[in-house]
PDB file of N, CA and C in Angstrom:
ATOM      1  N   UNK A   1       0.681  -1.330  -0.406  1.00  0.00           N
ATOM      2  CA  UNK A   1      -0.018  -0.294  -0.053  1.00  0.00           C
ATOM      3  C   UNK A   1       0.802   1.379   0.229  1.00  0.00           C
ATOM      4  N   UNK A   2       0.660   2.067  -0.308  1.00  0.00           N
ATOM      5  CA  UNK A   2       1.549   3.345  -1.080  1.00  0.00           C
ATOM      6  C   UNK A   2       0.878   4.665  -0.017  1.00  0.00           C
ATOM      7  N   UNK A   3       1.653   5.264   0.639  1.00  0.00           N
ATOM      8  CA  UNK A   3       1.193   6.168   1.236  1.00  0.00           C
ATOM      9  C   UNK A   3       2.134   7.686   1.466  1.00  0.00           C
ATOM     10  N   UNK A   4       1.279   8.797   1.533  1.00  0.00           N
ATOM     11  CA  UNK A   4       1.462  10.085   0.983  1.00  0.00           C
ATOM     12  C   UNK A   4       1.202  11.183   2.158  1.00  0.00           C
ATOM     13  N   UNK A   5       1.946  11.895   2.749  1.00  0.00           N
ATOM     14  CA  UNK A   5       1.352  12.689   3.468  1.00  0.00           C
ATOM     15  C   UNK A   5       0.213  13.446   2.955  1.00  0.00           C
ATOM     16  N   UNK A   6      -0.460  13.911   3.591  1.00  0.00           N
ATOM     17  CA  UNK A   6      -1.867  14.899   3.156  1.00  0.00           C
ATOM     18  C   UNK A   6      -1.843  15.794   3.279  1.00  0.00           C
ATOM     19  N   UNK A   7      -1.425  17.005   2.046  1.00  0.00           N
ATOM     20  CA  UNK A   7      -0.857  18.003   2.082  1.00  0.00           C
ATOM     21  C   UNK A   7      -2.429  18.687   1.946  1.00  0.00           C
ATOM     22  N   UNK A   8      -2.433  20.309   2.952  1.00  0.00           N
ATOM     23  CA  UNK A   8      -3.761  21.047   2.037  1.00  0.00           C
ATOM     24  C   UNK A   8      -3.579  21.637   0.842  1.00  0.00           C
ATOM     25  N   UNK A   9      -5.126  21.719   0.466  1.00  0.00           N
ATOM     26  CA  UNK A   9      -5.218  22.480  -0.657  1.00  0.00           C
ATOM     27  C   UNK A   9      -4.668  23.709  -1.078  1.00  0.00           C
ATOM     28  N   UNK A  10      -4.769  24.140  -1.657  1.00  0.00           N
ATOM     29  CA  UNK A  10      -3.879  25.502  -2.045  1.00  0.00           C
ATOM     30  C   UNK A  10      -4.655  26.482  -2.511  1.00  0.00           C
ATOM     31  N   UNK A  11      -5.665  27.328  -2.627  1.00  0.00           N
ATOM     32  CA  UNK A  11      -6.409  27.826  -3.714  1.00  0.00           C
ATOM     33  C   UNK A  11      -5.922  29.720  -3.562  1.00  0.00           C
ATOM     34  N   UNK A  12      -6.442  30.165  -4.942  1.00  0.00           N
ATOM     35  CA  UNK A  12      -5.636  31.580  -5.025  1.00  0.00           C
ATOM     36  C   UNK A  12      -6.859  31.898  -5.659  1.00  0.00           C
ATOM     37  N   UNK A  13      -7.404  33.187  -5.724  1.00  0.00           N
ATOM     38  CA  UNK A  13      -8.447  34.216  -6.125  1.00  0.00           C
ATOM     39  C   UNK A  13      -8.192  35.163  -6.396  1.00  0.00           C
ATOM     40  N   UNK A  14      -8.228  35.423  -7.737  1.00  0.00           N
ATOM     41  CA  UNK A  14      -8.018  36.219  -8.587  1.00  0.00           C
ATOM     42  C   UNK A  14      -9.684  37.422  -8.919  1.00  0.00           C
ATOM     43  N   UNK A  15     -10.065  38.470  -8.871  1.00  0.00           N
ATOM     44  CA  UNK A  15     -10.649  39.248  -9.547  1.00  0.00           C
ATOM     45  C   UNK A  15     -10.079  39.660 -10.343  1.00  0.00           C
ATOM     46  N   UNK A  16     -10.552  40.064 -11.468  1.00  0.00           N
ATOM     47  CA  UNK A  16      -9.994  40.633 -12.436  1.00  0.00           C
ATOM     48  C   UNK A  16     -10.240  42.145 -12.777  1.00  0.00           C
ATOM     49  N   UNK A  17     -10.240  43.435 -13.657  1.00  0.00           N
ATOM     50  CA  UNK A  17     -11.240  44.719 -14.100  1.00  0.00           C
ATOM     51  C   UNK A  17     -12.419  44.217 -14.317  1.00  0.00           C
ATOM     52  N   UNK A  18     -12.281  43.252 -15.434  1.00  0.00           N
ATOM     53  CA  UNK A  18     -13.622  43.266 -15.816  1.00  0.00           C
ATOM     54  C   UNK A  18     -14.909  42.483 -15.246  1.00  0.00           C
ATOM     55  N   UNK A  19     -14.601  41.972 -13.943  1.00  0.00           N
ATOM     56  CA  UNK A  19     -15.055  41.426 -13.139  1.00  0.00           C
ATOM     57  C   UNK A  19     -15.082  40.209 -13.295  1.00  0.00           C
ATOM     58  N   UNK A  20     -14.195  39.179 -13.879  1.00  0.00           N
ATOM     59  CA  UNK A  20     -14.325  37.911 -14.230  1.00  0.00           C
ATOM     60  C   UNK A  20     -13.065  37.321 -12.609  1.00  0.00           C
ATOM     61  N   UNK A  21     -13.713  36.837 -12.154  1.00  0.00           N
ATOM     62  CA  UNK A  21     -12.994  35.801 -11.380  1.00  0.00           C
ATOM     63  C   UNK A  21     -12.539  34.818 -11.632  1.00  0.00           C
ATOM     64  N   UNK A  22     -10.816  34.612 -11.164  1.00  0.00           N
ATOM     65  CA  UNK A  22      -9.736  33.248 -11.485  1.00  0.00           C
ATOM     66  C   UNK A  22      -9.991  32.789 -10.243  1.00  0.00           C
ATOM     67  N   UNK A  23      -9.777  31.195 -10.145  1.00  0.00           N
ATOM     68  CA  UNK A  23      -9.763  30.174  -8.506  1.00  0.00           C
ATOM     69  C   UNK A  23      -8.862  29.240  -9.245  1.00  0.00           C
ATOM     70  N   UNK A  24      -8.062  29.616  -9.005  1.00  0.00           N
ATOM     71  CA  UNK A  24      -6.303  28.023  -8.675  1.00  0.00           C
ATOM     72  C   UNK A  24      -6.588  27.663  -7.875  1.00  0.00           C
ATOM     73  N   UNK A  25      -6.952  25.974  -7.843  1.00  0.00           N
ATOM     74  CA  UNK A  25      -6.911  25.634  -6.584  1.00  0.00           C
ATOM     75  C   UNK A  25      -5.714  24.451  -6.817  1.00  0.00           C
ATOM     76  N   UNK A  26      -4.577  24.243  -6.133  1.00  0.00           N
ATOM     77  CA  UNK A  26      -3.740  23.453  -6.117  1.00  0.00           C
ATOM     78  C   UNK A  26      -3.648  22.515  -5.322  1.00  0.00           C
ATOM     79  N   UNK A  27      -4.199  20.545  -5.726  1.00  0.00           N
ATOM     80  CA  UNK A  27      -4.427  19.847  -5.003  1.00  0.00           C
ATOM     81  C   UNK A  27      -4.018  18.778  -4.975  1.00  0.00           C
ATOM     82  N   UNK A  28      -3.469  17.278  -4.308  1.00  0.00           N
ATOM     83  CA  UNK A  28      -3.460  15.910  -4.658  1.00  0.00           C
ATOM     84  C   UNK A  28      -5.043  16.121  -5.821  1.00  0.00           C
ATOM     85  N   UNK A  29      -4.911  15.555  -6.923  1.00  0.00           N
ATOM     86  CA  UNK A  29      -6.542  15.210  -7.534  1.00  0.00           C
ATOM     87  C   UNK A  29      -7.001  13.892  -6.979  1.00  0.00           C
ATOM     88  N   UNK A  30      -5.958  12.942  -6.561  1.00  0.00           N
ATOM     89  CA  UNK A  30      -6.181  11.480  -6.389  1.00  0.00           C
ATOM     90  C   UNK A  30      -7.260  11.887  -4.823  1.00  0.00           C
ATOM     91  N   UNK A  31      -6.144  13.024  -3.958  1.00  0.00           N
ATOM     92  CA  UNK A  31      -7.457  13.287  -2.678  1.00  0.00           C
ATOM     93  C   UNK A  31      -8.667  13.647  -2.924  1.00  0.00           C
ATOM     94  N   UNK A  32      -9.084  14.354  -4.152  1.00  0.00           N
ATOM     95  CA  UNK A  32     -10.240  14.975  -3.968  1.00  0.00           C
ATOM     96  C   UNK A  32     -11.423  14.149  -4.601  1.00  0.00           C
ATOM     97  N   UNK A  33     -10.250  13.166  -5.054  1.00  0.00           N
ATOM     98  CA  UNK A  33     -11.889  11.884  -5.654  1.00  0.00           C
ATOM     99  C   UNK A  33     -12.234  11.086  -4.930  1.00  0.00           C
ATOM    100  N   UNK A  34     -11.012  10.763  -4.042  1.00  0.00           N
ATOM    101  CA  UNK A  34     -11.123  10.173  -2.693  1.00  0.00           C
ATOM    102  C   UNK A  34     -11.972  10.539  -1.317  1.00  0.00           C
ATOM    103  N   UNK A  35     -12.413  12.178  -1.648  1.00  0.00           N
ATOM    104  CA  UNK A  35     -12.361  12.699  -0.345  1.00  0.00           C
ATOM    105  C   UNK A  35     -11.392  12.319   0.334  1.00  0.00           C
ATOM    106  N   UNK A  36     -10.063  12.098   0.462  1.00  0.00           N
ATOM    107  CA  UNK A  36      -9.005  12.394   2.151  1.00  0.00           C
ATOM    108  C   UNK A  36      -8.688  13.640   2.094  1.00  0.00           C
ATOM    109  N   UNK A  37      -8.764  13.997   3.041  1.00  0.00           N
ATOM    110  CA  UNK A  37      -8.131  15.127   3.167  1.00  0.00           C
ATOM    111  C   UNK A  37      -7.585  15.830   4.670  1.00  0.00           C
ATOM    112  N   UNK A  38      -7.658  17.064   5.501  1.00  0.00           N
ATOM    113  CA  UNK A  38      -6.497  17.189   6.338  1.00  0.00           C
ATOM    114  C   UNK A  38      -6.537  16.376   7.636  1.00  0.00           C
ATOM    115  N   UNK A  39      -7.460  15.686   7.752  1.00  0.00           N
ATOM    116  CA  UNK A  39      -8.499  15.096   8.893  1.00  0.00           C
ATOM    117  C   UNK A  39      -7.333  13.806   9.035  1.00  0.00           C
ATOM    118  N   UNK A  40      -6.770  13.511   8.519  1.00  0.00           N
ATOM    119  CA  UNK A  40      -5.823  12.060   7.943  1.00  0.00           C
ATOM    120  C   UNK A  40      -4.546  12.898   7.864  1.00  0.00           C
ATOM    121  N   UNK A  41      -3.241  12.113   8.693  1.00  0.00           N
ATOM    122  CA  UNK A  41      -1.914  12.451   8.738  1.00  0.00           C
ATOM    123  C   UNK A  41      -1.361  12.013   7.959  1.00  0.00           C
ATOM    124  N   UNK A  42      -1.498  10.974   6.998  1.00  0.00           N
ATOM    125  CA  UNK A  42      -1.225  10.428   5.478  1.00  0.00           C
ATOM    126  C   UNK A  42      -2.441   9.418   5.038  1.00  0.00           C
ATOM    127  N   UNK A  43      -2.214   9.300   3.587  1.00  0.00           N
ATOM    128  CA  UNK A  43      -3.590   8.895   3.010  1.00  0.00           C
ATOM    129  C   UNK A  43      -3.981   7.187   3.820  1.00  0.00           C
ATOM    130  N   UNK A  44      -2.914   6.263   4.061  1.00  0.00           N
ATOM    131  CA  UNK A  44      -3.183   5.052   4.238  1.00  0.00           C
ATOM    132  C   UNK A  44      -4.512   4.824   5.645  1.00  0.00           C
ATOM    133  N   UNK A  45      -4.216   6.358   6.778  1.00  0.00           N
ATOM    134  CA  UNK A  45      -4.958   6.606   7.297  1.00  0.00           C
ATOM    135  C   UNK A  45      -6.416   6.139   6.959  1.00  0.00           C
ATOM    136  N   UNK A  46      -6.951   6.895   5.960  1.00  0.00           N
ATOM    137  CA  UNK A  46      -7.956   7.082   5.129  1.00  0.00           C
ATOM    138  C   UNK A  46      -9.094   5.968   4.726  1.00  0.00           C
ATOM    139  N   UNK A  47     -10.394   5.435   4.913  1.00  0.00           N
ATOM    140  CA  UNK A  47     -10.807   4.491   4.765  1.00  0.00           C
ATOM    141  C   UNK A  47     -10.886   3.896   2.757  1.00  0.00           C
ATOM    142  N   UNK A  48     -10.542   5.120   2.394  1.00  0.00           N
ATOM    143  CA  UNK A  48     -10.085   5.521   1.324  1.00  0.00           C
ATOM    144  C   UNK A  48      -9.307   4.873   0.339  1.00  0.00           C
ATOM    145  N   UNK A  49      -8.220   4.746   1.071  1.00  0.00           N
ATOM    146  CA  UNK A  49      -6.832   4.719   1.078  1.00  0.00           C
ATOM    147  C   UNK A  49      -6.628   3.219  -0.177  1.00  0.00           C
ATOM    148  N   UNK A  50      -7.060   2.698  -0.427  1.00  0.00           N
ATOM    149  CA  UNK A  50      -7.367   1.494  -1.682  1.00  0.00           C
ATOM    150  C   UNK A  50      -7.388   2.186  -3.427  1.00  0.00           C
ATOM    151  N   UNK A  51      -8.604   2.939  -2.976  1.00  0.00           N
ATOM    152  CA  UNK A  51      -8.618   3.872  -3.878  1.00  0.00           C
ATOM    153  C   UNK A  51      -7.660   4.896  -4.317  1.00  0.00           C
ATOM    154  N   UNK A  52      -7.633   5.253  -3.772  1.00  0.00           N
ATOM    155  CA  UNK A  52      -6.005   6.177  -3.418  1.00  0.00           C
ATOM    156  C   UNK A  52      -5.141   5.976  -4.155  1.00  0.00           C
ATOM    157  N   UNK A  53      -4.849   4.678  -3.679  1.00  0.00           N
ATOM    158  CA  UNK A  53      -3.685   4.039  -4.657  1.00  0.00           C
ATOM    159  C   UNK A  53      -3.853   3.488  -6.134  1.00  0.00           C
ATOM    160  N   UNK A  54      -5.396   2.984  -6.462  1.00  0.00           N
ATOM    161  CA  UNK A  54      -5.635   3.042  -7.872  1.00  0.00           C
ATOM    162  C   UNK A  54      -5.420   4.037  -8.205  1.00  0.00           C
ATOM    163  N   UNK A  55      -5.685   5.675  -7.957  1.00  0.00           N
ATOM    164  CA  UNK A  55      -5.851   6.836  -8.902  1.00  0.00           C
ATOM    165  C   UNK A  55      -3.592   7.080  -8.494  1.00  0.00           C
ATOM    166  N   UNK A  56      -3.355   6.714  -7.897  1.00  0.00           N
ATOM    167  CA  UNK A  56      -1.686   6.641  -8.154  1.00  0.00           C
ATOM    168  C   UNK A  56      -1.177   6.029  -8.999  1.00  0.00           C
ATOM    169  N   UNK A  57      -1.681   5.168  -9.183  1.00  0.00           N
ATOM    170  CA  UNK A  57      -1.105   4.241 -10.064  1.00  0.00           C
ATOM    171  C   UNK A  57      -0.927   4.485 -11.476  1.00  0.00           C
ATOM    172  N   UNK A  58      -2.180   5.244 -11.871  1.00  0.00           N
ATOM    173  CA  UNK A  58      -2.734   5.449 -13.247  1.00  0.00           C
ATOM    174  C   UNK A  58      -2.232   6.801 -14.150  1.00  0.00           C
ATOM    175  N   UNK A  59      -1.854   7.174 -14.829  1.00  0.00           N
ATOM    176  CA  UNK A  59      -1.666   7.646 -15.976  1.00  0.00           C
ATOM    177  C   UNK A  59      -2.533   9.197 -15.831  1.00  0.00           C
ATOM    178  N   UNK A  60      -1.760  10.221 -16.548  1.00  0.00           N
ATOM    179  CA  UNK A  60      -2.320  11.533 -16.605  1.00  0.00           C
ATOM    180  C   UNK A  60      -3.433  11.915 -17.344  1.00  0.00           C
ATOM    181  N   UNK A  61      -3.485  11.283 -18.256  1.00  0.00           N
ATOM    182  CA  UNK A  61      -4.490  10.632 -19.494  1.00  0.00           C
ATOM    183  C   UNK A  61      -6.097  10.216 -18.080  1.00  0.00           C
ATOM    184  N   UNK A  62      -5.777   9.279 -18.045  1.00  0.00           N
ATOM    185  CA  UNK A  62      -6.549   8.126 -16.753  1.00  0.00           C
ATOM    186  C   UNK A  62      -7.036   8.580 -15.618  1.00  0.00           C
ATOM    187  N   UNK A  63      -6.019   9.802 -15.064  1.00  0.00           N
ATOM    188  CA  UNK A  63      -6.512  10.881 -14.143  1.00  0.00           C
ATOM    189  C   UNK A  63      -7.384  11.479 -14.452  1.00  0.00           C
ATOM    190  N   UNK A  64      -7.044  12.266 -15.882  1.00  0.00           N
ATOM    191  CA  UNK A  64      -7.769  13.472 -16.306  1.00  0.00           C
ATOM    192  C   UNK A  64      -9.481  12.409 -16.458  1.00  0.00           C
ATOM    193  N   UNK A  65      -9.584  11.727 -17.177  1.00  0.00           N
ATOM    194  CA  UNK A  65     -10.375  10.782 -17.616  1.00  0.00           C
ATOM    195  C   UNK A  65     -11.628  10.707 -15.969  1.00  0.00           C
ATOM    196  N   UNK A  66     -10.895  10.285 -15.063  1.00  0.00           N
ATOM    197  CA  UNK A  66     -11.466  10.045 -14.243  1.00  0.00           C
ATOM    198  C   UNK A  66     -12.031  11.901 -12.941  1.00  0.00           C
ATOM    199  N   UNK A  67     -11.512  12.704 -13.547  1.00  0.00           N
ATOM    200  CA  UNK A  67     -11.957  13.782 -13.104  1.00  0.00           C
ATOM    201  C   UNK A  67     -12.829  14.168 -13.772  1.00  0.00           C
ATOM    202  N   UNK A  68     -13.477  14.392 -15.128  1.00  0.00           N
ATOM    203  CA  UNK A  68     -14.030  14.579 -15.599  1.00  0.00           C
ATOM    204  C   UNK A  68     -14.944  13.692 -14.960  1.00  0.00           C
ATOM    205  N   UNK A  69     -15.580  12.677 -14.580  1.00  0.00           N
ATOM    206  CA  UNK A  69     -16.739  11.830 -14.017  1.00  0.00           C
ATOM    207  C   UNK A  69     -17.002  13.189 -12.712  1.00  0.00           C
ATOM    208  N   UNK A  70     -16.026  13.471 -12.187  1.00  0.00           N
ATOM    209  CA  UNK A  70     -15.986  13.755 -10.808  1.00  0.00           C
ATOM    210  C   UNK A  70     -16.374  15.653 -11.241  1.00  0.00           C
ATOM    211  N   UNK A  71     -16.078  16.000 -12.123  1.00  0.00           N
ATOM    212  CA  UNK A  71     -16.155  17.841 -12.141  1.00  0.00           C
ATOM    213  C   UNK A  71     -17.297  18.420 -11.742  1.00  0.00           C
ATOM    214  N   UNK A  72     -18.613  17.605 -12.412  1.00  0.00           N
ATOM    215  CA  UNK A  72     -19.330  18.912 -11.816  1.00  0.00           C
ATOM    216  C   UNK A  72     -19.997  18.079 -10.099  1.00  0.00           C
ATOM    217  N   UNK A  73     -20.300  16.803  -9.335  1.00  0.00           N
ATOM    218  CA  UNK A  73     -20.113  17.251  -8.293  1.00  0.00           C
ATOM    219  C   UNK A  73     -19.378  18.145  -6.854  1.00  0.00           C
ATOM    220  N   UNK A  74     -18.035  17.872  -7.750  1.00  0.00           N
ATOM    221  CA  UNK A  74     -16.958  19.068  -7.490  1.00  0.00           C
ATOM    222  C   UNK A  74     -17.260  20.545  -7.299  1.00  0.00           C
ATOM    223  N   UNK A  75     -17.781  20.675  -8.821  1.00  0.00           N
ATOM    224  CA  UNK A  75     -18.574  22.349  -8.543  1.00  0.00           C
ATOM    225  C   UNK A  75     -20.012  22.160  -7.659  1.00  0.00           C
ATOM    226  N   UNK A  76     -20.625  21.680  -7.823  1.00  0.00           N
ATOM    227  CA  UNK A  76     -21.797  21.937  -6.735  1.00  0.00           C
ATOM    228  C   UNK A  76     -21.118  21.566  -5.429  1.00  0.00           C
ATOM    229  N   UNK A  77     -20.068  21.260  -5.722  1.00  0.00           N
ATOM    230  CA  UNK A  77     -19.873  21.395  -3.555  1.00  0.00           C
ATOM    231  C   UNK A  77     -18.892  22.777  -3.336  1.00  0.00           C
ATOM    232  N   UNK A  78     -18.712  23.184  -4.466  1.00  0.00           N
ATOM    233  CA  UNK A  78     -17.923  24.729  -3.985  1.00  0.00           C
ATOM    234  C   UNK A  78     -19.045  25.934  -3.960  1.00  0.00           C
ATOM    235  N   UNK A  79     -18.741  26.910  -3.856  1.00  0.00           N
ATOM    236  CA  UNK A  79     -19.970  27.766  -4.242  1.00  0.00           C
ATOM    237  C   UNK A  79     -19.225  29.533  -3.703  1.00  0.00           C
ATOM    238  N   UNK A  80     -19.808  30.042  -4.718  1.00  0.00           N
ATOM    239  CA  UNK A  80     -19.302  31.684  -4.884  1.00  0.00           C
ATOM    240  C   UNK A  80     -20.222  32.036  -4.441  1.00  0.00           C
ATOM    241  N   UNK A  81     -20.446  33.533  -3.634  1.00  0.00           N
ATOM    242  CA  UNK A  81     -21.453  34.599  -3.812  1.00  0.00           C
ATOM    243  C   UNK A  81     -20.709  35.524  -4.177  1.00  0.00           C
ATOM    244  N   UNK A  82     -21.788  36.772  -5.013  1.00  0.00           N
ATOM    245  CA  UNK A  82     -21.059  38.219  -5.131  1.00  0.00           C
ATOM    246  C   UNK A  82     -21.899  39.022  -4.693  1.00  0.00           C
ATOM    247  N   UNK A  83     -21.368  39.870  -4.026  1.00  0.00           N
ATOM    248  CA  UNK A  83     -22.172  40.951  -3.373  1.00  0.00           C
ATOM    249  C   UNK A  83     -22.859  40.660  -2.035  1.00  0.00           C
ATOM    250  N   UNK A  84     -23.716  41.122  -1.396  1.00  0.00           N
ATOM    251  CA  UNK A  84     -24.082  40.679   0.176  1.00  0.00           C
ATOM    252  C   UNK A  84     -24.904  39.458   0.345  1.00  0.00           C
ATOM    253  N   UNK A  85     -24.702  38.761   1.096  1.00  0.00           N
ATOM    254  CA  UNK A  85     -25.719  37.698   1.537  1.00  0.00           C
ATOM    255  C   UNK A  85     -26.908  38.273   1.339  1.00  0.00           C
ATOM    256  N   UNK A  86     -27.316  38.952   1.763  1.00  0.00           N
ATOM    257  CA  UNK A  86     -28.654  39.298   0.796  1.00  0.00           C
ATOM    258  C   UNK A  86     -28.865  39.812  -0.925  1.00  0.00           C
ATOM    259  N   UNK A  87     -28.251  39.770  -1.119  1.00  0.00           N
ATOM    260  CA  UNK A  87     -28.182  39.603  -2.913  1.00  0.00           C
ATOM    261  C   UNK A  87     -28.351  38.321  -3.254  1.00  0.00           C
ATOM    262  N   UNK A  88     -27.840  37.211  -2.727  1.00  0.00           N
ATOM    263  CA  UNK A  88     -27.616  36.234  -2.745  1.00  0.00           C
ATOM    264  C   UNK A  88     -27.078  35.636  -4.284  1.00  0.00           C
ATOM    265  N   UNK A  89     -26.194  36.377  -5.377  1.00  0.00           N
ATOM    266  CA  UNK A  89     -26.051  36.394  -5.946  1.00  0.00           C
ATOM    267  C   UNK A  89     -25.000  34.818  -6.024  1.00  0.00           C
ATOM    268  N   UNK A  90     -25.261  34.049  -6.692  1.00  0.00           N
ATOM    269  CA  UNK A  90     -24.260  32.847  -7.016  1.00  0.00           C
ATOM    270  C   UNK A  90     -23.879  33.069  -7.652  1.00  0.00           C
ATOM    271  N   UNK A  91     -22.619  33.199  -8.107  1.00  0.00           N
ATOM    272  CA  UNK A  91     -21.490  33.025  -9.172  1.00  0.00           C
ATOM    273  C   UNK A  91     -21.525  30.954  -9.912  1.00  0.00           C
ATOM    274  N   UNK A  92     -21.918  31.163 -10.708  1.00  0.00           N
ATOM    275  CA  UNK A  92     -21.704  29.824 -11.759  1.00  0.00           C
ATOM    276  C   UNK A  92     -19.803  30.049 -11.670  1.00  0.00           C
ATOM    277  N   UNK A  93     -19.869  28.382 -11.715  1.00  0.00           N
ATOM    278  CA  UNK A  93     -18.289  27.997 -11.898  1.00  0.00           C
ATOM    279  C   UNK A  93     -18.108  26.935 -12.799  1.00  0.00           C
ATOM    280  N   UNK A  94     -17.085  26.681 -13.270  1.00  0.00           N
ATOM    281  CA  UNK A  94     -16.430  26.257 -14.257  1.00  0.00           C
ATOM    282  C   UNK A  94     -15.055  26.025 -14.192  1.00  0.00           C
ATOM    283  N   UNK A  95     -14.435  24.694 -14.699  1.00  0.00           N
ATOM    284  CA  UNK A  95     -13.872  24.418 -14.891  1.00  0.00           C
ATOM    285  C   UNK A  95     -12.840  24.261 -16.273  1.00  0.00           C
ATOM    286  N   UNK A  96     -11.764  25.711 -16.412  1.00  0.00           N
ATOM    287  CA  UNK A  96     -11.252  26.033 -17.096  1.00  0.00           C
ATOM    288  C   UNK A  96     -10.156  25.013 -17.823  1.00  0.00           C
ATOM    289  N   UNK A  97      -9.426  24.313 -17.258  1.00  0.00           N
ATOM    290  CA  UNK A  97      -8.565  23.307 -17.294  1.00  0.00           C
ATOM    291  C   UNK A  97      -7.729  22.261 -15.834  1.00  0.00           C
ATOM    292  N   UNK A  98      -7.357  21.380 -16.260  1.00  0.00           N
ATOM    293  CA  UNK A  98      -6.525  20.392 -15.157  1.00  0.00           C
ATOM    294  C   UNK A  98      -5.484  20.511 -15.759  1.00  0.00           C
ATOM    295  N   UNK A  99      -4.802  20.587 -15.152  1.00  0.00           N
ATOM    296  CA  UNK A  99      -2.566  20.261 -15.302  1.00  0.00           C
ATOM    297  C   UNK A  99      -2.499  19.296 -14.303  1.00  0.00           C
ATOM    298  N   UNK A 100      -2.417  18.033 -15.087  1.00  0.00           N
ATOM    299  CA  UNK A 100      -2.304  16.980 -14.048  1.00  0.00           C
ATOM    300  C   UNK A 100      -0.684  16.039 -14.812  1.00  0.00           C
ATOM    301  N   UNK A 101       0.185  16.521 -13.791  1.00  0.00           N
ATOM    302  CA  UNK A 101       1.666  15.949 -13.865  1.00  0.00           C
ATOM    303  C   UNK A 101       1.897  14.955 -14.733  1.00  0.00           C
ATOM    304  N   UNK A 102       2.786  14.412 -15.223  1.00  0.00           N
ATOM    305  CA  UNK A 102       2.902  13.087 -14.940  1.00  0.00           C
ATOM    306  C   UNK A 102       3.386  12.358 -13.954  1.00  0.00           C
ATOM    307  N   UNK A 103       2.946  10.774 -13.905  1.00  0.00           N
ATOM    308  CA  UNK A 103       3.498  10.325 -12.032  1.00  0.00           C
ATOM    309  C   UNK A 103       4.621  10.100 -12.277  1.00  0.00           C
ATOM    310  N   UNK A 104       5.185  10.426 -10.967  1.00  0.00           N
ATOM    311  CA  UNK A 104       6.425   9.984 -10.518  1.00  0.00           C
ATOM    312  C   UNK A 104       7.333  11.457 -10.162  1.00  0.00           C
TER     313      UNK A 104
END
C-alpha cells in the first residue's frame, strides 16, 4: 500500500478588472477524487486508501478521465457569491483546465 502525507489544498482567487473571477486550486487530484482531506495525517489512515492507491498508479490521461466524471459534483460542492448575503448572487463556476503532471 502506498502512503502519502496529506497536504492541504492551496486556493488562489483573483478578481480581474472585467469582473471575471479566476480561482486556481492546487491539490492532490487523487485526494479530491477519494475525499481524503487534512483530517488524516497520511493517506493510508483513510478508509479510501485503497482507491487512492489505484488513482496514484494511473496515468495523467486516466486521471483526467476520472476527474471529468467528478467535475460536476466537485463544482456543486463549491460556492461563490457576489455582493452581500442579502443579494444572494451565486456565481456560476466552471473548470477551464486541469493540469495533471505525469506520475513520478
